Every structure is written in structure tokens, then in C-alpha cells.
Amino acid sequence: MRVLMFGWEFPPHITGGLGTACYGLTKGLSRHDTKIIFVVPKAYGDENQEVASIRNASGIPFDLTDEEYKIYWEHIKYLEVGSNIIPYVSPEYFSKATEETVKTGEEFKSNVFSRNYEFSGSYGKNLMEEVARYALIASALAMKENFDIIHAHDWLTYPAGIAAKRSSGKKLVVHMHATEFDRTGGNVNQQVYDIERQGMEEADAVITVSNLTRNIVIEKYGISPDKVFTVHNAVDTGSMKDYNSSNKHFDEKLVTFLGRITFQKGPDYFVEAAYKVLQKDSNVRFAMAGSGDMLLKMIKRAAQLRIADKFHFTGFLKGNDVDHIFSMSDVFVMPSVSEPFGIVPLEAMRSSVPVIISKQSGVAEVLHHALKVDFWDIDAIADAIYGLCHYEGLSKMFKKYGKQEVENLKWEDAALKVIQVYNKILNS
């Protein structure tokens, strides 16, 4: 089977869990005789080509006047993405819109329809423009590549998946790694929500990373339960680098938070719990690894609580740096407010680090050897941290059985479930 897959990032160039999950799943699929054409907005040349054939959208020209696209454009309906961006519109409509804008004295800026376009590969101010251009490239690729099915990861690539489906007539699977409700706590960006909903409505199947996310997709987006399938994430145990814990240059216990420092991840609950722990035992250090819009607020809060001397803000970590910090950690905490899955606890457990996770996380559905608390219960988080730092028998048990548990959560098994979804819609 050949899959045309659209993602926004691919290791080693990642900003979070999405790229890690895409790589793990792609690697798992490759071990089941599935060939992947993986498209990213910007490729750097050092991606692993053994698990997928990487296509660089920045290097693919798109000429709106090419004869081969004429039939395609006749069947595409208008859809606006971004304030000035009109990706799924005929050349005639685009010309008319541009002319009307010029007549009214307004400035119409869009590089979306230029022959060559350089993606930033980031989540910057031109994100919607890049989403739109990506959809155009997808329509062109889908007309030229040989594949059996389309697979699009997260909302950024849903317009690309839709465009590829319309130009090729092939079935579409969209993968929901996180919803707009998870990212914003209910204060949704209507434009992103609409893109997510349309992507799932036009897909032949929707894969969610947990039953928690599946319920949101059904209840909040009105998607038919019959076409929504849960496939839990896994962890790549073969890519871990061993570090000697003796590299730790301090005697205190180390409690780690690793993730985006945003509302969704609950970093404020981690800081408040740290304060409570330090009131009982000053022989503990805390590390907050990551970046995000709440970082400055967390630094200020640690200073207000007078625990800054016990806090380390490392910035964003990836690859070997993640393995390194886990080699020094005694406890990992993920107090997420709404976590569709959460791969980082699995990465901690494979490093023999006991984990505390929120009950409001998808990973809680598959883990048994983890302490589970409500994200808002600061006292429970603090008690769990204190217990794992002070009761050696408890810590040893979670280290031993936690590592055994995650070693059985394999991407090859998750890939088999995805292939079952492929076969189901291909044979329907």
C-alpha cells in the first residue's frame, strides 16, 4: 500500500509532539510493507528517508495556468483560508477578486499563487497563507504521485488533504492529534475550528489519539461516530541515548515538567505544587523544560513564591537533550488541563522515571503504572511528588513496571490499527 501523507513537521526538525508522533507512526507503517510519501512544508535534507520518502513543498513549483490543472479547477469550490487568502478558487475568480481590490484602492497581498514559494516551516504570522499554499501544492502532487490513500495530520494539513482528495478522487483519512478545544480551553478560534470540522466532515475516516479526543470530535464537531476510530500513540524505544545518572551535579531530587508552556499543559499547577513540596522538603529541585506564551508568567510566579533558586527553566529541549534531562530526573509531572494523548510520559517511563499524569489526558487510558491526579488538585500533585521522592519502594515499583509497560506500547502495533482503518474505507 502507498500512502500520500501530509504533515507539518518531521524529525529532527520539530516543535513538539506532533512531529514525534508522525515519525513514530511512519516508522511503524514502514515495517508493515507500507510505502509513505511524506510531504512537509519545508524539508532540510537530513530527515530519515528510510522510513518515508520526504517531499519538500517549498521545492515544488505551482503554475496556475498549467493545462493539466484546468479540469481540477473546474471542480473546486471557493473556500477562504486567512484574511487575504483564497486557495480553492478558480483562476478566473482570483483575477476578478484581485481586480476588484485594486479598483477600490485596497492592497491585495498574496504569494499563494506565485509559481515558487518558500515555506518558513514554522508557526509564524504567515501561517494561514502557508496552509493555503500547502493545499495548492497538495492538489498538484495528488495528480502526479502514485498512491492508494491520503492521510493528513492535524488541522494545518486538512485543507491539503481535502485538495488532494478532490484532485485525485482517492479516500482521505484525517488524524486528530489535538482539537482547538484542547489548545484553548474552550475559547476557540472560529477559523481553526471551521477548518478542523470541514476536514473531518470531508474525510472518509477520522483517527483520534484517544477516546477522550474521540468524544470531543463527536460531541463538539458533530462528526458521525461510525467513522471515528481511536488509535493510541506509542513510544519509540529504539532511539533513546543512554546517559549516566552520575552526570547530575547536585544531590537534590529533580522533578521535571517537559512540554509547551501553555494553558493546555497546566504549567501553573506544576509551579504551585512545587511550592507546596518545598514547604515540606527543601532538598528538591524543579525543572521546567519548554517554551510558550506562559513562560514569563511562570518565571515571575516562581520569583513571587521565593522558590526561584530551586527552579530551572531550560527552554525547549529535543532529541538527546530530552534523554539527558530524564537521566537526571527522579519524577516527571504532566498536569495537563486537556491532553489528547501525551507522549512525553512514555518517554520518561522508558528512561525509568516515575510519572504523575493528569486524569484529563488520553495517555491515562493506556497506562496503569502511573500516578493519576486531577490537573487542578495541587495538593494531590504535591503529595504524589513527595511520595515518589521519599518512599524508595514506591519509586522503584513505578520505575520497574512503568518501563516494562511502555516497552509494550509499540508504534508497529499502532500502525497495524491504522492499516485496518485504511482497509476498512478502501473496501467500503
Protein backbone atom coordinates (compact mmCIF):
# COMPACT_ATOMS: atom_id res chain seq x y z
CA MET A 1 0.00 0.00 0.00
CA ARG A 2 1.19 3.51 -0.82
CA VAL A 3 0.11 6.45 1.34
CA LEU A 4 0.31 10.14 0.47
CA MET A 5 0.80 11.67 3.92
CA PHE A 6 0.72 15.35 4.85
CA GLY A 7 2.41 16.64 8.00
CA TRP A 8 3.70 19.96 9.23
CA GLU A 9 7.00 18.80 10.70
CA PHE A 10 9.27 15.77 10.68
CA PRO A 11 12.25 14.93 12.94
CA PRO A 12 14.82 16.12 13.60
CA HIS A 13 13.07 19.48 12.98
CA ILE A 14 10.16 19.51 15.43
CA THR A 15 8.49 21.90 17.84
CA GLY A 16 6.53 19.36 19.85
CA GLY A 17 4.76 16.03 20.00
CA LEU A 18 3.14 16.18 16.54
CA GLY A 19 6.41 15.63 14.70
CA THR A 20 7.39 12.86 17.11
CA ALA A 21 4.06 11.07 16.61
CA CYS A 22 4.24 11.42 12.82
CA TYR A 23 7.72 9.92 12.78
CA GLY A 24 6.79 7.04 15.10
CA LEU A 25 3.70 6.13 13.10
CA THR A 26 5.53 6.42 9.79
CA LYS A 27 8.30 4.19 11.09
CA GLY A 28 5.71 1.66 12.30
CA LEU A 29 3.90 1.67 8.95
CA SER A 30 7.16 1.14 7.07
CA ARG A 31 7.64 -2.12 8.97
CA HIS A 32 4.33 -3.39 7.60
CA ASP A 33 5.26 -3.04 3.94
CA THR A 34 3.54 0.35 3.65
CA LYS A 35 5.25 2.96 1.49
CA ILE A 36 4.89 6.55 2.68
CA ILE A 37 5.24 9.70 0.61
CA PHE A 38 5.54 12.23 3.45
CA VAL A 39 5.05 15.87 2.48
CA VAL A 40 6.26 18.71 4.72
CA PRO A 41 6.15 22.46 4.02
CA LYS A 42 9.92 22.77 4.44
CA ALA A 43 12.43 19.90 4.32
CA TYR A 44 16.03 20.38 5.43
CA GLY A 45 17.65 17.35 3.80
CA ASP A 46 18.58 15.49 6.97
CA GLU A 47 15.23 13.76 7.52
CA ASN A 48 15.21 9.96 7.75
CA GLN A 49 14.44 8.82 4.20
CA GLU A 50 14.46 5.15 5.25
CA VAL A 51 11.01 5.31 6.84
CA ALA A 52 9.42 7.61 4.26
CA SER A 53 10.07 9.37 1.00
CA ILE A 54 10.17 13.03 2.07
CA ARG A 55 8.72 15.66 -0.28
CA ASN A 56 9.66 19.30 0.24
CA ALA A 57 6.65 21.50 -0.57
CA SER A 58 8.97 24.52 -0.82
CA GLY A 59 10.70 22.92 -3.78
CA ILE A 60 7.56 22.16 -5.75
CA PRO A 61 6.56 24.87 -8.25
CA PHE A 62 2.90 25.52 -8.95
CA ASP A 63 1.73 27.18 -12.15
CA LEU A 64 -1.91 28.18 -12.07
CA THR A 65 -2.06 28.32 -15.88
CA ASP A 66 -0.87 24.75 -16.50
CA GLU A 67 -3.26 22.90 -18.81
CA GLU A 68 -3.26 19.80 -16.59
CA TYR A 69 -4.93 21.71 -13.75
CA LYS A 70 -7.84 23.09 -15.76
CA ILE A 71 -10.16 20.13 -15.16
CA TYR A 72 -9.26 20.19 -11.49
CA TRP A 73 -10.07 23.88 -11.08
CA GLU A 74 -13.48 23.39 -12.68
CA HIS A 75 -14.50 21.14 -9.79
CA ILE A 76 -13.09 23.14 -6.90
CA LYS A 77 -15.37 25.32 -4.83
CA TYR A 78 -14.37 28.52 -3.11
CA LEU A 79 -13.00 28.29 0.44
CA GLU A 80 -11.29 31.15 2.22
CA VAL A 81 -8.36 30.44 4.49
CA GLY A 82 -6.95 33.57 6.09
CA SER A 83 -7.91 37.18 5.59
CA ASN A 84 -6.43 37.63 2.09
CA ILE A 85 -6.05 34.01 1.11
CA ILE A 86 -8.31 32.18 -1.35
CA PRO A 87 -6.79 28.81 -2.10
CA TYR A 88 -9.63 26.74 -3.57
CA VAL A 89 -10.79 29.19 -6.18
CA SER A 90 -10.58 29.21 -9.95
CA PRO A 91 -8.01 31.43 -11.72
CA GLU A 92 -10.91 33.49 -13.11
CA TYR A 93 -12.30 34.18 -9.65
CA PHE A 94 -8.84 35.03 -8.32
CA SER A 95 -8.24 37.52 -11.13
CA LYS A 96 -11.63 39.09 -10.56
CA ALA A 97 -11.05 39.40 -6.82
CA THR A 98 -7.66 40.98 -7.42
CA GLU A 99 -9.08 43.46 -9.97
CA GLU A 100 -11.92 44.48 -7.66
CA THR A 101 -9.49 45.03 -4.81
CA VAL A 102 -7.28 47.22 -6.98
CA LYS A 103 -10.30 49.25 -8.15
CA THR A 104 -11.29 50.06 -4.58
CA GLY A 105 -7.78 51.19 -3.80
CA GLU A 106 -7.11 48.29 -1.41
CA GLU A 107 -3.87 46.36 -1.47
CA PHE A 108 -4.20 42.67 -2.26
CA LYS A 109 -1.17 40.78 -0.99
CA SER A 110 -0.77 37.08 -1.53
CA ASN A 111 2.12 34.96 -2.69
CA VAL A 112 -0.04 31.87 -2.53
CA PHE A 113 -0.49 31.71 -6.31
CA SER A 114 3.11 32.51 -7.25
CA ARG A 115 4.98 29.85 -9.20
CA ASN A 116 7.61 29.40 -6.49
CA TYR A 117 7.05 29.77 -2.76
CA GLU A 118 9.39 29.29 0.19
CA PHE A 119 7.68 27.94 3.31
CA SER A 120 9.06 29.02 6.67
CA GLY A 121 8.29 25.62 8.15
CA SER A 122 7.24 27.38 11.35
CA TYR A 123 4.05 28.60 13.02
CA GLY A 124 4.60 32.29 12.32
CA LYS A 125 2.49 35.25 11.28
CA ASN A 126 2.01 33.89 7.74
CA LEU A 127 0.68 30.55 8.98
CA MET A 128 -2.68 30.77 7.22
CA GLU A 129 -1.00 31.77 3.99
CA GLU A 130 1.27 28.76 4.25
CA VAL A 131 -1.70 26.49 5.00
CA ALA A 132 -3.35 27.76 1.83
CA ARG A 133 -0.25 27.35 -0.35
CA TYR A 134 0.25 23.87 1.09
CA ALA A 135 -3.24 22.96 -0.12
CA LEU A 136 -2.36 24.07 -3.66
CA ILE A 137 0.82 22.00 -3.63
CA ALA A 138 -1.20 19.05 -2.34
CA SER A 139 -3.62 19.29 -5.26
CA ALA A 140 -0.70 19.26 -7.70
CA LEU A 141 1.12 16.38 -6.01
CA ALA A 142 -2.02 14.26 -5.83
CA MET A 143 -2.39 14.48 -9.60
CA LYS A 144 1.16 13.28 -10.21
CA GLU A 145 2.03 10.79 -7.45
CA ASN A 146 1.09 7.11 -7.39
CA PHE A 147 -0.70 6.26 -4.14
CA ASP A 148 -3.72 4.42 -2.72
CA ILE A 149 -4.90 6.65 0.13
CA ILE A 150 -4.36 10.12 1.67
CA HIS A 151 -3.52 10.72 5.33
CA ALA A 152 -3.45 14.26 6.80
CA HIS A 153 -2.14 15.09 10.29
CA ASP A 154 -3.82 17.83 12.33
CA TRP A 155 -5.73 20.91 11.16
CA LEU A 156 -2.78 22.58 9.42
CA THR A 157 -2.82 19.89 6.75
CA TYR A 158 -6.56 19.26 6.50
CA PRO A 159 -7.01 21.75 3.61
CA ALA A 160 -4.16 19.94 1.85
CA GLY A 161 -5.86 16.59 2.42
CA ILE A 162 -9.15 17.90 1.06
CA ALA A 163 -7.44 19.38 -2.00
CA ALA A 164 -5.59 16.12 -2.67
CA LYS A 165 -8.82 14.15 -2.34
CA ARG A 166 -10.66 16.39 -4.77
CA SER A 167 -7.92 16.36 -7.40
CA SER A 168 -7.23 12.61 -7.19
CA GLY A 169 -10.57 11.11 -6.16
CA LYS A 170 -8.77 8.97 -3.53
CA LYS A 171 -10.04 8.30 0.01
CA LEU A 172 -8.95 10.62 2.82
CA VAL A 173 -8.04 9.85 6.44
CA VAL A 174 -7.51 12.77 8.81
CA HIS A 175 -5.63 12.32 12.08
CA MET A 176 -6.75 14.44 15.04
CA HIS A 177 -3.80 14.85 17.42
CA ALA A 178 -5.30 17.83 19.30
CA THR A 179 -8.50 19.81 18.93
CA GLU A 180 -8.95 23.56 19.18
CA PHE A 181 -10.79 22.91 22.46
CA ASP A 182 -7.65 21.29 23.90
CA ARG A 183 -5.39 24.12 22.81
CA THR A 184 -7.58 26.99 24.05
CA GLY A 185 -9.64 25.60 26.89
CA GLY A 186 -12.89 26.28 25.06
CA ASN A 187 -12.11 29.81 23.84
CA VAL A 188 -11.84 28.54 20.28
CA ASN A 189 -10.54 30.33 17.21
CA GLN A 190 -13.55 30.01 14.92
CA GLN A 191 -11.42 29.88 11.79
CA VAL A 192 -9.34 26.97 13.07
CA TYR A 193 -12.45 25.21 14.37
CA ASP A 194 -14.09 25.52 10.95
CA ILE A 195 -11.03 24.07 9.22
CA GLU A 196 -10.95 21.16 11.68
CA ARG A 197 -14.66 20.47 11.24
CA GLN A 198 -14.56 20.63 7.45
CA GLY A 199 -11.53 18.35 7.37
CA MET A 200 -13.32 15.73 9.44
CA GLU A 201 -16.60 16.12 7.55
CA GLU A 202 -14.93 15.57 4.18
CA ALA A 203 -12.71 12.73 5.40
CA ASP A 204 -13.72 9.13 4.87
CA ALA A 205 -12.32 8.26 8.30
CA VAL A 206 -11.07 10.19 11.33
CA ILE A 207 -8.36 8.79 13.59
CA THR A 208 -8.15 10.17 17.13
CA VAL A 209 -5.28 9.57 19.54
CA SER A 210 -7.55 8.72 22.48
CA ASN A 211 -11.15 8.05 23.42
CA LEU A 212 -11.07 11.44 25.18
CA THR A 213 -10.40 13.12 21.82
CA ARG A 214 -12.89 10.85 20.05
CA ASN A 215 -15.66 12.06 22.36
CA ILE A 216 -14.75 15.71 21.69
CA VAL A 217 -14.78 15.10 17.92
CA ILE A 218 -18.24 13.53 18.12
CA GLU A 219 -19.80 15.92 20.65
CA LYS A 220 -18.19 19.26 19.76
CA TYR A 221 -17.85 18.86 15.98
CA GLY A 222 -20.88 16.69 15.22
CA ILE A 223 -18.88 14.00 13.41
CA SER A 224 -20.57 10.62 12.94
CA PRO A 225 -19.25 8.05 15.48
CA ASP A 226 -19.24 5.44 12.71
CA LYS A 227 -16.23 7.00 11.03
CA VAL A 228 -14.17 7.98 14.10
CA PHE A 229 -11.55 5.45 15.24
CA THR A 230 -9.21 5.61 18.25
CA VAL A 231 -5.59 4.61 17.76
CA HIS A 232 -3.48 5.38 20.81
CA ASN A 233 0.05 6.69 20.33
CA ALA A 234 3.15 4.76 21.35
CA VAL A 235 6.83 5.45 22.01
CA ASP A 236 9.99 4.73 20.03
CA THR A 237 12.17 2.77 22.47
CA GLY A 238 14.98 2.24 19.98
CA SER A 239 16.04 5.88 19.59
CA MET A 240 16.96 6.58 23.20
CA LYS A 241 20.52 7.55 24.10
CA ASP A 242 21.88 6.29 27.41
CA TYR A 243 23.19 8.82 29.88
CA ASN A 244 24.87 8.05 33.18
CA SER A 245 22.85 9.49 36.05
CA SER A 246 26.15 10.46 37.66
CA ASN A 247 26.10 13.44 35.26
CA LYS A 248 23.77 15.02 37.79
CA HIS A 249 25.89 17.63 39.61
CA PHE A 250 23.64 18.16 42.62
CA ASP A 251 22.33 15.99 45.45
CA GLU A 252 18.69 17.07 45.49
CA LYS A 253 15.89 15.13 43.86
CA LEU A 254 14.87 16.52 40.45
CA VAL A 255 11.22 16.86 39.44
CA THR A 256 10.67 17.66 35.75
CA PHE A 257 7.96 19.25 33.62
CA LEU A 258 8.58 18.95 29.87
CA GLY A 259 6.21 20.37 27.28
CA ARG A 260 4.86 23.56 25.78
CA ILE A 261 4.44 26.16 28.50
CA THR A 262 0.88 26.99 27.55
CA PHE A 263 -2.56 26.86 29.17
CA GLN A 264 -3.22 23.36 27.81
CA LYS A 265 -0.21 21.83 29.59
CA GLY A 266 -1.00 23.22 33.06
CA PRO A 267 2.44 24.66 33.95
CA ASP A 268 0.93 26.92 36.62
CA TYR A 269 -0.29 23.87 38.57
CA PHE A 270 3.25 22.47 38.46
CA VAL A 271 4.70 25.67 39.95
CA GLU A 272 2.07 25.82 42.70
CA ALA A 273 2.62 22.15 43.58
CA ALA A 274 6.39 22.74 43.68
CA TYR A 275 5.87 25.49 46.25
CA LYS A 276 3.87 23.12 48.47
CA VAL A 277 6.54 20.40 48.21
CA LEU A 278 9.31 22.85 49.11
CA GLN A 279 7.44 23.88 52.26
CA LYS A 280 7.92 20.30 53.47
CA ASP A 281 11.30 19.50 51.96
CA SER A 282 13.82 21.98 50.58
CA ASN A 283 16.02 19.18 49.22
CA VAL A 284 14.19 19.09 45.87
CA ARG A 285 14.80 20.91 42.58
CA PHE A 286 12.31 21.53 39.80
CA ALA A 287 12.95 21.84 36.06
CA MET A 288 10.51 23.33 33.57
CA ALA A 289 11.65 22.39 30.07
CA GLY A 290 9.86 24.02 27.16
CA SER A 291 8.77 27.30 25.68
CA GLY A 292 5.42 29.02 25.24
CA ASP A 293 3.31 32.05 25.95
CA MET A 294 3.14 31.35 29.70
CA LEU A 295 6.91 31.08 30.23
CA LEU A 296 7.45 34.64 31.52
CA LYS A 297 4.44 34.32 33.80
CA MET A 298 5.87 31.10 35.29
CA ILE A 299 9.27 32.71 35.88
CA LYS A 300 7.59 35.62 37.65
CA ARG A 301 5.43 33.30 39.74
CA ALA A 302 8.44 31.28 40.89
CA ALA A 303 10.08 34.54 41.95
CA GLN A 304 6.93 35.69 43.80
CA LEU A 305 6.83 32.39 45.70
CA ARG A 306 10.56 32.78 46.52
CA ILE A 307 11.42 29.39 45.03
CA ALA A 308 13.39 30.64 42.01
CA ASP A 309 16.62 29.27 43.49
CA LYS A 310 15.05 25.80 43.26
CA PHE A 311 13.70 26.24 39.74
CA HIS A 312 15.43 25.72 36.37
CA PHE A 313 13.88 26.99 33.14
CA THR A 314 15.76 25.17 30.40
CA GLY A 315 13.98 26.36 27.26
CA PHE A 316 12.82 23.98 24.52
CA LEU A 317 14.52 20.57 24.52
CA LYS A 318 14.52 17.83 21.89
CA GLY A 319 16.40 14.69 20.92
CA ASN A 320 19.35 13.79 23.13
CA ASP A 321 18.65 16.71 25.47
CA VAL A 322 15.34 15.11 26.43
CA ASP A 323 17.06 11.82 27.23
CA HIS A 324 19.70 13.73 29.19
CA ILE A 325 17.26 15.53 31.47
CA PHE A 326 15.32 12.32 32.09
CA SER A 327 18.56 10.60 33.11
CA MET A 328 18.80 13.13 35.95
CA SER A 329 15.08 13.17 36.86
CA ASP A 330 13.52 11.42 39.82
CA VAL A 331 9.91 12.32 38.94
CA PHE A 332 8.13 13.54 35.83
CA VAL A 333 4.88 15.51 36.08
CA MET A 334 2.33 16.21 33.31
CA PRO A 335 -0.52 18.26 34.84
CA SER A 336 -2.27 18.91 31.51
CA VAL A 337 -5.65 20.60 31.59
CA SER A 338 -6.71 18.83 28.40
CA GLU A 339 -4.27 16.41 26.78
CA PRO A 340 -5.44 14.43 23.74
CA PHE A 341 -2.73 11.87 24.44
CA GLY A 342 0.70 12.88 25.81
CA ILE A 343 3.78 11.06 24.50
CA VAL A 344 6.25 12.66 26.94
CA PRO A 345 5.22 10.48 29.94
CA LEU A 346 6.04 7.42 27.81
CA GLU A 347 9.46 8.89 27.03
CA ALA A 348 10.02 9.44 30.76
CA MET A 349 8.93 5.91 31.66
CA ARG A 350 11.23 4.33 29.08
CA SER A 351 14.03 6.17 30.94
CA SER A 352 12.86 4.58 34.21
CA VAL A 353 11.38 7.80 35.58
CA PRO A 354 8.17 7.50 37.65
CA VAL A 355 5.40 9.70 36.23
CA ILE A 356 2.47 11.70 37.55
CA ILE A 357 -0.16 12.45 34.90
CA SER A 358 -3.49 14.23 34.90
CA LYS A 359 -6.69 12.21 34.65
CA GLN A 360 -7.65 14.63 31.87
CA SER A 361 -5.14 13.05 29.45
CA GLY A 362 -5.55 10.41 26.77
CA VAL A 363 -2.43 8.57 27.88
CA ALA A 364 -4.20 7.83 31.19
CA GLU A 365 -6.37 5.42 29.19
CA VAL A 366 -3.44 3.11 28.44
CA LEU A 367 -1.13 3.50 31.45
CA HIS A 368 -1.50 1.50 34.65
CA HIS A 369 1.83 2.18 36.34
CA ALA A 370 1.48 5.93 36.65
CA LEU A 371 0.06 8.11 39.39
CA LYS A 372 -3.08 9.84 38.10
CA VAL A 373 -4.45 13.05 39.58
CA ASP A 374 -6.87 15.79 38.58
CA PHE A 375 -4.90 18.63 36.98
CA TRP A 376 -6.47 21.21 39.33
CA ASP A 377 -5.70 19.28 42.53
CA ILE A 378 -2.43 20.93 43.56
CA ASP A 379 -2.41 19.14 46.92
CA ALA A 380 -2.68 15.73 45.21
CA ILE A 381 0.13 16.62 42.78
CA ALA A 382 2.33 17.77 45.66
CA ASP A 383 1.57 14.62 47.70
CA ALA A 384 2.41 12.40 44.71
CA ILE A 385 5.72 14.22 44.13
CA TYR A 386 6.61 13.99 47.81
CA GLY A 387 5.77 10.30 47.94
CA LEU A 388 7.88 9.38 44.90
CA CYS A 389 10.78 11.44 46.22
CA HIS A 390 10.73 9.95 49.72
CA TYR A 391 9.44 6.38 49.54
CA GLU A 392 12.04 4.31 47.75
CA GLY A 393 9.86 1.21 47.46
CA LEU A 394 7.13 3.19 45.70
CA SER A 395 9.60 4.82 43.33
CA LYS A 396 11.28 1.51 42.47
CA MET A 397 7.97 -0.14 41.70
CA PHE A 398 6.92 2.58 39.26
CA LYS A 399 10.38 2.62 37.64
CA LYS A 400 10.42 -1.13 37.05
CA TYR A 401 6.85 -1.78 35.96
CA GLY A 402 6.47 1.54 34.18
CA LYS A 403 9.40 0.77 31.90
CA GLN A 404 8.05 -2.71 31.19
CA GLU A 405 4.65 -1.23 30.36
CA VAL A 406 5.88 1.32 27.81
CA GLU A 407 8.10 -1.25 26.12
CA ASN A 408 4.87 -2.99 25.13
CA LEU A 409 3.38 0.18 23.61
CA LYS A 410 4.86 -0.15 20.14
CA TRP A 411 4.37 2.01 17.06
CA GLU A 412 4.20 -1.16 14.95
CA ASP A 413 1.01 -2.14 16.81
CA ALA A 414 -0.48 1.33 16.39
CA ALA A 415 0.42 1.17 12.69
CA LEU A 416 -1.49 -2.10 12.30
CA LYS A 417 -4.62 -0.42 13.65
CA VAL A 418 -4.15 2.46 11.19
CA ILE A 419 -3.80 -0.04 8.33
CA GLN A 420 -7.07 -1.62 9.44
CA VAL A 421 -8.72 1.81 9.11
CA TYR A 422 -7.18 2.19 5.63
CA ASN A 423 -8.51 -1.19 4.54
CA LYS A 424 -11.93 -0.54 6.01
CA ILE A 425 -12.55 2.60 3.94
CA LEU A 426 -10.81 1.28 0.82
CA ASN A 427 -13.12 -1.73 0.83
CA SER A 428 -16.28 0.23 1.62
